[in-house]
């Protein structure tokens, strides 16, 4: 049985909000719908940020972590923003170009070098954990400093102090990250 469907196609990020509503990424905005399918609200990304890619993570206060692009960069899918749902403004930006070392060991793409597919918030350390499809999992502090890398280690030889487990033969392609609470 189909409960409801949407005509918004080609979007990856669909998330159930803490209030029970459904959040759907639609290009440069997040659409909120009730479980009955009624439109509730739109949250628009302010420029220079655009194209929400793959994930919406809601913090306890209702703000949203979004995986996005920036008009100011030549790279893509390597920015995380914290969108205040009440004000509709970006409160914090993580430019992963500044915190995560580039690694072309598996895929040689200088534009989409990391391809962030998921992000979650580690409340205990006030940090974010990022699923970089092309090279593993990364933990970055609230101030955008690298905390650790979970990867097979190839291409991170100069970053061994950050590697927490380099015993995997291949560690890439994942599309989600969650903390066990």
N, C-alpha and C. Protein backbone atom coordinates (compact mmCIF):
# COMPACT_ATOMS: atom_id res chain seq x y z
N UNK A 1 0.83 -1.18 0.00
CA UNK A 1 0.00 0.00 0.00
C UNK A 1 0.88 1.25 0.00
N UNK A 2 0.46 2.23 -0.77
CA UNK A 2 1.17 3.51 -0.82
C UNK A 2 0.47 4.47 0.12
N UNK A 3 1.22 5.01 1.07
CA UNK A 3 0.65 5.97 2.00
C UNK A 3 0.56 7.34 1.35
N UNK A 4 1.65 7.77 0.74
CA UNK A 4 1.67 8.99 -0.04
C UNK A 4 2.93 8.99 -0.88
N UNK A 5 3.00 9.85 -1.86
CA UNK A 5 4.17 9.98 -2.71
C UNK A 5 4.35 11.45 -3.04
N UNK A 6 5.50 11.77 -3.58
CA UNK A 6 5.79 13.15 -3.97
C UNK A 6 6.18 13.20 -5.43
N UNK A 7 5.92 14.33 -6.05
CA UNK A 7 6.32 14.51 -7.43
C UNK A 7 7.73 15.10 -7.54
N UNK A 8 8.39 15.35 -6.41
CA UNK A 8 9.77 15.84 -6.41
C UNK A 8 10.68 14.67 -6.69
N UNK A 9 11.29 14.64 -7.85
CA UNK A 9 12.08 13.49 -8.27
C UNK A 9 13.58 13.80 -8.23
N UNK A 10 14.35 12.75 -8.16
CA UNK A 10 15.79 12.88 -8.24
C UNK A 10 16.45 13.41 -6.99
N UNK A 11 15.76 13.39 -5.89
CA UNK A 11 16.34 13.90 -4.65
C UNK A 11 16.76 12.75 -3.77
N UNK A 12 17.91 12.90 -3.15
CA UNK A 12 18.43 11.84 -2.31
C UNK A 12 18.01 11.97 -0.86
N UNK A 13 17.97 13.20 -0.35
CA UNK A 13 17.77 13.41 1.07
C UNK A 13 16.30 13.41 1.43
N UNK A 14 15.90 12.38 2.15
CA UNK A 14 14.56 12.28 2.72
C UNK A 14 14.75 11.85 4.16
N UNK A 15 14.18 12.61 5.09
CA UNK A 15 14.41 12.36 6.51
C UNK A 15 13.14 12.62 7.29
N UNK A 16 12.86 11.79 8.26
CA UNK A 16 11.74 12.09 9.15
C UNK A 16 12.25 12.97 10.28
N UNK A 17 11.55 14.08 10.49
CA UNK A 17 11.92 15.06 11.50
C UNK A 17 11.48 14.58 12.88
N UNK A 18 12.04 15.17 13.91
CA UNK A 18 11.68 14.82 15.29
C UNK A 18 10.19 15.08 15.57
N UNK A 19 9.61 16.03 14.83
CA UNK A 19 8.19 16.33 15.04
C UNK A 19 7.29 15.37 14.25
N UNK A 20 7.89 14.39 13.56
CA UNK A 20 7.13 13.40 12.81
C UNK A 20 6.96 13.74 11.34
N UNK A 21 7.21 14.99 10.96
CA UNK A 21 7.07 15.39 9.57
C UNK A 21 8.21 14.84 8.73
N UNK A 22 8.04 14.91 7.42
CA UNK A 22 9.03 14.44 6.46
C UNK A 22 9.76 15.63 5.86
N UNK A 23 11.09 15.56 5.83
CA UNK A 23 11.92 16.58 5.21
C UNK A 23 12.48 16.01 3.92
N UNK A 24 12.35 16.78 2.83
CA UNK A 24 12.82 16.34 1.52
C UNK A 24 13.70 17.44 0.94
N UNK A 25 14.91 17.07 0.52
CA UNK A 25 15.77 18.03 -0.17
C UNK A 25 15.29 18.17 -1.59
N UNK A 26 15.13 19.41 -2.03
CA UNK A 26 14.68 19.70 -3.38
C UNK A 26 15.56 20.80 -3.94
N UNK A 27 16.72 20.41 -4.47
CA UNK A 27 17.65 21.40 -5.01
C UNK A 27 18.26 22.25 -3.91
N UNK A 28 17.86 23.52 -3.85
CA UNK A 28 18.43 24.47 -2.89
C UNK A 28 17.54 24.68 -1.67
N UNK A 29 16.60 23.77 -1.44
CA UNK A 29 15.67 23.96 -0.32
C UNK A 29 15.30 22.62 0.30
N UNK A 30 14.84 22.71 1.53
CA UNK A 30 14.29 21.56 2.23
C UNK A 30 12.79 21.80 2.36
N UNK A 31 12.01 20.85 1.91
CA UNK A 31 10.56 20.93 2.00
C UNK A 31 10.11 20.08 3.17
N UNK A 32 9.17 20.60 3.95
CA UNK A 32 8.64 19.86 5.08
C UNK A 32 7.18 19.54 4.82
N UNK A 33 6.83 18.26 4.98
CA UNK A 33 5.47 17.78 4.78
C UNK A 33 5.01 17.03 6.02
N UNK A 34 3.72 17.08 6.28
CA UNK A 34 3.16 16.25 7.35
C UNK A 34 3.12 14.82 6.85
N UNK A 35 2.91 13.87 7.76
CA UNK A 35 2.79 12.48 7.34
C UNK A 35 1.58 12.26 6.45
N UNK A 36 0.61 13.15 6.53
CA UNK A 36 -0.55 13.08 5.66
C UNK A 36 -0.30 13.66 4.28
N UNK A 37 0.91 14.21 4.06
CA UNK A 37 1.27 14.74 2.75
C UNK A 37 1.00 16.23 2.58
N UNK A 38 0.53 16.92 3.62
CA UNK A 38 0.27 18.36 3.51
C UNK A 38 1.59 19.12 3.62
N UNK A 39 1.75 20.11 2.75
CA UNK A 39 2.93 20.96 2.79
C UNK A 39 2.93 21.79 4.07
N UNK A 40 4.08 21.88 4.75
CA UNK A 40 4.19 22.63 5.99
C UNK A 40 5.03 23.88 5.80
N UNK A 41 6.25 23.72 5.25
CA UNK A 41 7.16 24.86 5.15
C UNK A 41 8.32 24.55 4.22
N UNK A 42 8.94 25.61 3.70
CA UNK A 42 10.16 25.50 2.91
C UNK A 42 11.30 26.18 3.65
N UNK A 43 12.46 25.53 3.66
CA UNK A 43 13.68 26.12 4.21
C UNK A 43 14.65 26.28 3.04
N UNK A 44 14.95 27.52 2.67
CA UNK A 44 15.81 27.78 1.51
C UNK A 44 17.26 28.03 1.94
N UNK A 45 18.17 27.48 1.14
CA UNK A 45 19.58 27.74 1.37
C UNK A 45 19.93 29.13 0.84
N UNK A 46 20.59 29.96 1.63
CA UNK A 46 21.06 31.24 1.09
C UNK A 46 22.33 31.03 0.28
N UNK A 47 22.52 31.82 -0.75
CA UNK A 47 23.77 31.78 -1.51
C UNK A 47 24.90 32.24 -0.62
N UNK A 48 26.07 31.67 -0.76
CA UNK A 48 26.57 30.94 -1.93
C UNK A 48 26.30 29.44 -1.91
N UNK A 49 25.50 28.94 -0.96
CA UNK A 49 25.29 27.50 -0.82
C UNK A 49 24.14 27.05 -1.70
N UNK A 50 24.29 25.87 -2.27
CA UNK A 50 23.25 25.34 -3.16
C UNK A 50 23.34 23.83 -3.26
N UNK A 51 22.31 23.25 -3.83
CA UNK A 51 22.17 21.82 -4.12
C UNK A 51 22.49 20.92 -2.94
N UNK A 52 21.48 20.69 -2.15
CA UNK A 52 21.60 19.76 -1.03
C UNK A 52 21.81 18.37 -1.62
N UNK A 53 22.86 17.73 -1.18
CA UNK A 53 23.24 16.43 -1.74
C UNK A 53 23.15 15.35 -0.67
N UNK A 54 22.28 14.45 -0.83
CA UNK A 54 22.19 13.20 -0.07
C UNK A 54 21.67 13.25 1.35
N UNK A 55 21.99 14.26 2.17
CA UNK A 55 21.65 14.07 3.57
C UNK A 55 21.12 15.33 4.24
N UNK A 56 20.18 15.08 5.14
CA UNK A 56 19.65 16.07 6.07
C UNK A 56 19.78 15.42 7.45
N UNK A 57 20.46 16.09 8.36
CA UNK A 57 20.55 15.58 9.73
C UNK A 57 20.01 16.65 10.66
N UNK A 58 18.98 16.29 11.41
CA UNK A 58 18.36 17.24 12.33
C UNK A 58 19.01 17.16 13.71
N UNK A 59 19.44 18.30 14.25
CA UNK A 59 19.96 18.36 15.60
C UNK A 59 18.80 18.43 16.58
N UNK A 60 19.08 18.21 17.84
CA UNK A 60 18.03 18.21 18.87
C UNK A 60 17.25 19.52 18.91
N UNK A 61 17.91 20.64 18.60
CA UNK A 61 17.23 21.94 18.64
C UNK A 61 16.44 22.22 17.36
N UNK A 62 16.44 21.29 16.42
CA UNK A 62 15.68 21.44 15.18
C UNK A 62 16.48 21.97 14.02
N UNK A 63 17.68 22.50 14.26
CA UNK A 63 18.52 22.98 13.16
C UNK A 63 18.96 21.80 12.30
N UNK A 64 19.36 22.10 11.07
CA UNK A 64 19.67 21.05 10.11
C UNK A 64 21.12 21.10 9.65
N UNK A 65 21.79 19.95 9.70
CA UNK A 65 23.08 19.79 9.04
C UNK A 65 22.78 19.32 7.62
N UNK A 66 23.34 20.02 6.63
CA UNK A 66 23.07 19.70 5.23
C UNK A 66 24.38 19.53 4.47
N UNK A 67 24.42 18.57 3.58
CA UNK A 67 25.57 18.37 2.70
C UNK A 67 25.28 19.15 1.42
N UNK A 68 26.13 20.14 1.11
CA UNK A 68 25.83 21.09 0.03
C UNK A 68 27.07 21.41 -0.80
N UNK A 69 26.88 22.28 -1.78
CA UNK A 69 27.95 22.86 -2.58
C UNK A 69 28.03 24.35 -2.29
N UNK A 70 29.10 24.99 -2.77
CA UNK A 70 29.26 26.43 -2.62
C UNK A 70 29.65 27.05 -3.94
N UNK A 71 29.00 28.17 -4.27
CA UNK A 71 29.35 28.93 -5.49
C UNK A 71 30.79 29.43 -5.44
N UNK A 72 31.35 29.54 -4.25
CA UNK A 72 32.68 30.13 -4.08
C UNK A 72 33.81 29.13 -4.30
N UNK A 73 33.47 27.87 -4.55
CA UNK A 73 34.49 26.84 -4.72
C UNK A 73 34.38 26.19 -6.09
N UNK A 74 35.50 25.67 -6.58
CA UNK A 74 35.50 24.92 -7.83
C UNK A 74 35.25 23.44 -7.59
N UNK A 75 35.22 23.03 -6.34
CA UNK A 75 34.95 21.64 -5.99
C UNK A 75 33.47 21.50 -5.65
N UNK A 76 33.03 20.26 -5.49
CA UNK A 76 31.62 20.04 -5.13
C UNK A 76 31.50 18.90 -4.13
N UNK A 77 30.35 18.93 -3.41
CA UNK A 77 29.98 17.90 -2.44
C UNK A 77 31.03 17.74 -1.35
N UNK A 78 31.53 18.89 -0.86
CA UNK A 78 32.53 18.89 0.20
C UNK A 78 32.30 20.02 1.21
N UNK A 79 31.04 20.46 1.33
CA UNK A 79 30.66 21.50 2.29
C UNK A 79 29.51 20.97 3.15
N UNK A 80 29.58 21.24 4.46
CA UNK A 80 28.49 20.96 5.38
C UNK A 80 28.06 22.30 5.95
N UNK A 81 26.76 22.56 6.00
CA UNK A 81 26.27 23.79 6.64
C UNK A 81 25.28 23.42 7.73
N UNK A 82 25.20 24.31 8.72
CA UNK A 82 24.21 24.21 9.79
C UNK A 82 23.17 25.28 9.51
N UNK A 83 21.96 24.86 9.13
CA UNK A 83 20.89 25.78 8.78
C UNK A 83 19.95 25.94 9.97
N UNK A 84 19.79 27.17 10.42
CA UNK A 84 18.86 27.49 11.50
C UNK A 84 17.46 27.50 10.90
N UNK A 85 16.59 26.58 11.33
CA UNK A 85 15.25 26.47 10.76
C UNK A 85 14.36 27.64 11.15
N UNK A 86 14.63 28.27 12.27
CA UNK A 86 13.81 29.40 12.69
C UNK A 86 14.17 30.66 11.92
N UNK A 87 15.47 30.94 11.80
CA UNK A 87 15.93 32.16 11.12
C UNK A 87 16.10 31.98 9.62
N UNK A 88 16.28 30.72 9.18
CA UNK A 88 16.51 30.47 7.76
C UNK A 88 17.90 30.88 7.31
N UNK A 89 18.84 30.92 8.25
CA UNK A 89 20.20 31.36 7.91
C UNK A 89 21.21 30.27 8.26
N UNK A 90 22.34 30.34 7.59
CA UNK A 90 23.43 29.41 7.85
C UNK A 90 24.20 29.91 9.07
N UNK A 91 24.28 29.07 10.09
CA UNK A 91 24.93 29.44 11.35
C UNK A 91 26.40 28.99 11.41
N UNK A 92 26.74 27.97 10.66
CA UNK A 92 28.10 27.44 10.68
C UNK A 92 28.36 26.72 9.36
N UNK A 93 29.64 26.77 8.93
CA UNK A 93 30.05 26.12 7.68
C UNK A 93 31.29 25.28 7.96
N UNK A 94 31.29 24.07 7.45
CA UNK A 94 32.48 23.22 7.47
C UNK A 94 32.93 23.05 6.03
N UNK A 95 34.02 23.72 5.65
CA UNK A 95 34.62 23.54 4.33
C UNK A 95 35.62 22.41 4.48
N UNK A 96 35.26 21.24 3.99
CA UNK A 96 36.08 20.05 4.20
C UNK A 96 37.38 20.09 3.42
N UNK A 97 37.49 21.03 2.47
CA UNK A 97 38.76 21.25 1.79
C UNK A 97 39.84 21.69 2.78
N UNK A 98 39.42 22.35 3.85
CA UNK A 98 40.36 22.88 4.84
C UNK A 98 40.70 21.88 5.94
N UNK A 99 39.90 20.83 6.11
CA UNK A 99 40.12 19.92 7.24
C UNK A 99 40.46 18.49 6.85
N UNK A 100 39.98 18.02 5.74
CA UNK A 100 40.19 16.62 5.35
C UNK A 100 41.22 16.57 4.23
N UNK A 101 42.27 15.75 4.39
CA UNK A 101 43.27 15.66 3.34
C UNK A 101 42.70 15.02 2.08
N UNK A 102 43.02 15.62 0.95
CA UNK A 102 42.58 15.04 -0.33
C UNK A 102 43.31 13.73 -0.57
N UNK A 103 42.59 12.82 -1.19
CA UNK A 103 43.14 11.50 -1.42
C UNK A 103 42.55 11.00 -2.74
N UNK A 104 43.42 10.70 -3.70
CA UNK A 104 42.96 10.24 -5.02
C UNK A 104 43.33 8.78 -5.26
N UNK A 105 43.53 8.03 -4.19
CA UNK A 105 43.97 6.64 -4.29
C UNK A 105 42.96 5.79 -5.07
N UNK A 106 41.68 5.98 -4.85
CA UNK A 106 40.67 5.15 -5.51
C UNK A 106 40.04 5.83 -6.72
N UNK A 107 39.74 7.12 -6.60
CA UNK A 107 39.10 7.85 -7.70
C UNK A 107 39.83 9.16 -7.90
N UNK A 108 40.29 9.39 -9.11
CA UNK A 108 41.04 10.61 -9.41
C UNK A 108 40.09 11.66 -9.98
N UNK A 109 39.49 12.41 -9.07
CA UNK A 109 38.54 13.45 -9.44
C UNK A 109 38.83 14.66 -8.57
N UNK A 110 39.42 15.69 -9.15
CA UNK A 110 39.82 16.85 -8.35
C UNK A 110 38.64 17.76 -8.01
N UNK A 111 37.51 17.61 -8.68
CA UNK A 111 36.33 18.43 -8.41
C UNK A 111 35.46 17.77 -7.33
N UNK A 112 35.13 16.50 -7.52
CA UNK A 112 34.29 15.76 -6.57
C UNK A 112 35.18 14.77 -5.82
N UNK A 113 36.17 15.28 -5.15
CA UNK A 113 37.24 14.48 -4.55
C UNK A 113 36.80 13.69 -3.31
N UNK A 114 35.77 14.14 -2.60
CA UNK A 114 35.34 13.48 -1.36
C UNK A 114 33.95 12.86 -1.50
N UNK A 115 33.05 13.57 -2.13
CA UNK A 115 31.67 13.12 -2.38
C UNK A 115 30.97 12.75 -1.06
N UNK A 116 30.69 13.78 -0.26
CA UNK A 116 30.01 13.56 1.02
C UNK A 116 28.60 13.05 0.78
N UNK A 117 28.28 11.92 1.38
CA UNK A 117 26.94 11.34 1.26
C UNK A 117 26.14 11.42 2.54
N UNK A 118 26.81 11.57 3.67
CA UNK A 118 26.08 11.60 4.93
C UNK A 118 26.87 12.34 5.99
N UNK A 119 26.12 12.88 6.94
CA UNK A 119 26.72 13.56 8.08
C UNK A 119 25.86 13.30 9.30
N UNK A 120 26.50 13.18 10.44
CA UNK A 120 25.78 13.07 11.70
C UNK A 120 26.50 13.89 12.75
N UNK A 121 25.81 14.21 13.80
CA UNK A 121 26.35 15.06 14.85
C UNK A 121 26.67 14.22 16.08
N UNK A 122 27.89 14.37 16.58
CA UNK A 122 28.28 13.70 17.81
C UNK A 122 28.14 14.72 18.94
N UNK A 123 27.02 14.63 19.62
CA UNK A 123 26.69 15.60 20.66
C UNK A 123 27.68 15.56 21.82
N UNK A 124 28.21 14.38 22.12
CA UNK A 124 29.13 14.25 23.26
C UNK A 124 30.42 15.03 23.06
N UNK A 125 30.84 15.20 21.82
CA UNK A 125 32.07 15.93 21.53
C UNK A 125 31.85 17.18 20.70
N UNK A 126 30.58 17.50 20.44
CA UNK A 126 30.23 18.64 19.60
C UNK A 126 31.06 18.64 18.31
N UNK A 127 30.92 17.57 17.57
CA UNK A 127 31.66 17.39 16.33
C UNK A 127 30.75 16.70 15.32
N UNK A 128 31.23 16.60 14.09
CA UNK A 128 30.44 15.93 13.06
C UNK A 128 31.24 14.75 12.51
N UNK A 129 30.51 13.72 12.10
CA UNK A 129 31.10 12.57 11.45
C UNK A 129 30.57 12.53 10.03
N UNK A 130 31.48 12.42 9.09
CA UNK A 130 31.18 12.57 7.67
C UNK A 130 31.46 11.27 6.94
N UNK A 131 30.53 10.86 6.10
CA UNK A 131 30.75 9.73 5.21
C UNK A 131 31.20 10.29 3.87
N UNK A 132 32.49 10.15 3.60
CA UNK A 132 33.04 10.55 2.30
C UNK A 132 33.08 9.32 1.42
N UNK A 133 32.16 9.25 0.50
CA UNK A 133 31.99 8.04 -0.30
C UNK A 133 33.30 7.57 -0.93
N UNK A 134 34.17 8.48 -1.24
CA UNK A 134 35.37 8.11 -1.98
C UNK A 134 36.57 7.76 -1.13
N UNK A 135 36.47 7.91 0.22
CA UNK A 135 37.65 7.57 1.01
C UNK A 135 37.40 7.21 2.45
N UNK A 136 36.19 7.06 2.95
CA UNK A 136 36.00 6.59 4.30
C UNK A 136 35.16 7.50 5.16
N UNK A 137 35.34 7.36 6.48
CA UNK A 137 34.63 8.18 7.45
C UNK A 137 35.63 9.12 8.11
N UNK A 138 35.14 10.33 8.44
CA UNK A 138 35.99 11.35 9.03
C UNK A 138 35.25 12.03 10.16
N UNK A 139 35.96 12.32 11.22
CA UNK A 139 35.39 13.11 12.31
C UNK A 139 36.08 14.46 12.29
N UNK A 140 35.25 15.53 12.33
CA UNK A 140 35.74 16.90 12.27
C UNK A 140 35.14 17.65 13.45
N UNK A 141 35.96 18.45 14.11
CA UNK A 141 35.49 19.20 15.28
C UNK A 141 34.52 20.30 14.87
N UNK A 142 33.89 20.90 15.87
CA UNK A 142 32.97 22.01 15.65
C UNK A 142 33.69 23.17 14.95
N UNK A 143 35.02 23.25 15.15
CA UNK A 143 35.84 24.30 14.53
C UNK A 143 36.52 23.85 13.25
N UNK A 144 36.02 22.76 12.65
CA UNK A 144 36.49 22.26 11.36
C UNK A 144 37.94 21.76 11.40
N UNK A 145 38.32 21.12 12.49
CA UNK A 145 39.64 20.51 12.58
C UNK A 145 39.48 18.99 12.54
N UNK A 146 40.35 18.33 11.79
CA UNK A 146 40.30 16.88 11.66
C UNK A 146 40.57 16.22 13.01
N UNK A 147 39.70 15.28 13.40
CA UNK A 147 39.86 14.53 14.65
C UNK A 147 40.38 13.14 14.35
N UNK A 148 39.71 12.43 13.41
CA UNK A 148 40.18 11.11 13.02
C UNK A 148 39.70 10.74 11.62
N UNK A 149 40.36 9.69 11.08
CA UNK A 149 40.03 9.12 9.77
C UNK A 149 39.80 7.63 9.98
N UNK A 150 38.71 7.10 9.45
CA UNK A 150 38.48 5.66 9.41
C UNK A 150 38.51 5.26 7.95
N UNK A 151 39.59 4.63 7.55
CA UNK A 151 39.81 4.29 6.15
C UNK A 151 40.80 3.14 6.08
N UNK A 152 41.05 2.66 4.88
CA UNK A 152 42.04 1.59 4.73
C UNK A 152 43.46 2.12 4.80
N UNK A 153 43.62 3.43 4.85
CA UNK A 153 44.94 4.03 5.03
C UNK A 153 45.68 4.38 3.76
N UNK A 154 45.30 3.79 2.64
CA UNK A 154 46.00 4.10 1.38
C UNK A 154 45.78 5.57 1.03
N UNK A 155 46.87 6.26 0.75
CA UNK A 155 46.81 7.67 0.40
C UNK A 155 46.83 8.59 1.61
N UNK A 156 46.79 8.03 2.81
CA UNK A 156 46.84 8.83 4.03
C UNK A 156 48.14 8.58 4.80
N UNK A 157 49.18 8.22 4.10
CA UNK A 157 50.46 7.90 4.75
C UNK A 157 51.01 9.08 5.56
N UNK A 158 50.72 10.29 5.16
CA UNK A 158 51.20 11.47 5.89
C UNK A 158 50.22 11.89 6.99
N UNK A 159 49.18 11.11 7.20
CA UNK A 159 48.15 11.44 8.19
C UNK A 159 47.93 10.29 9.16
N UNK A 160 48.94 9.47 9.40
CA UNK A 160 48.77 8.27 10.21
C UNK A 160 48.34 8.57 11.64
N UNK A 161 48.68 9.74 12.18
CA UNK A 161 48.27 10.05 13.56
C UNK A 161 46.77 10.22 13.67
N UNK A 162 46.07 10.37 12.54
CA UNK A 162 44.61 10.51 12.55
C UNK A 162 43.89 9.21 12.23
N UNK A 163 44.60 8.22 11.70
CA UNK A 163 43.98 6.95 11.32
C UNK A 163 43.64 6.15 12.57
N UNK A 164 42.37 5.73 12.69
CA UNK A 164 41.99 4.92 13.85
C UNK A 164 41.88 3.44 13.50
N UNK A 165 41.83 3.11 12.21
CA UNK A 165 41.77 1.71 11.82
C UNK A 165 42.11 1.62 10.34
N UNK A 166 43.28 1.12 10.04
CA UNK A 166 43.70 1.00 8.64
C UNK A 166 43.80 -0.47 8.24
N UNK A 167 42.98 -1.32 8.82
CA UNK A 167 43.06 -2.75 8.58
C UNK A 167 42.11 -3.24 7.49
N UNK A 168 41.30 -2.34 6.94
CA UNK A 168 40.33 -2.74 5.90
C UNK A 168 41.02 -2.75 4.55
N UNK A 169 40.69 -3.75 3.74
CA UNK A 169 41.29 -3.80 2.41
C UNK A 169 40.76 -2.66 1.54
N UNK A 170 39.45 -2.42 1.57
CA UNK A 170 38.83 -1.32 0.84
C UNK A 170 37.79 -0.70 1.76
N UNK A 171 37.76 0.62 1.81
CA UNK A 171 36.80 1.31 2.66
C UNK A 171 36.28 2.53 1.91
N UNK A 172 35.29 2.31 1.07
CA UNK A 172 34.70 3.42 0.34
C UNK A 172 33.35 2.98 -0.22
N UNK A 173 32.54 3.95 -0.63
CA UNK A 173 31.25 3.66 -1.24
C UNK A 173 30.08 3.77 -0.28
N UNK A 174 30.33 3.86 1.04
CA UNK A 174 29.26 3.91 2.02
C UNK A 174 28.42 5.17 1.81
N UNK A 175 27.14 5.09 2.20
CA UNK A 175 26.20 6.19 2.01
C UNK A 175 25.50 6.62 3.29
N UNK A 176 25.96 6.16 4.44
CA UNK A 176 25.30 6.56 5.68
C UNK A 176 26.29 6.48 6.81
N UNK A 177 26.01 7.21 7.86
CA UNK A 177 26.79 7.14 9.08
C UNK A 177 25.86 7.45 10.24
N UNK A 178 25.92 6.61 11.27
CA UNK A 178 25.08 6.80 12.45
C UNK A 178 25.88 6.48 13.70
N UNK A 179 25.55 7.16 14.78
CA UNK A 179 26.15 6.86 16.07
C UNK A 179 25.21 5.97 16.86
N UNK A 180 25.76 4.95 17.50
CA UNK A 180 24.97 4.14 18.42
C UNK A 180 24.88 4.91 19.72
N UNK A 181 23.67 5.08 20.22
CA UNK A 181 23.50 5.83 21.47
C UNK A 181 23.10 4.91 22.59
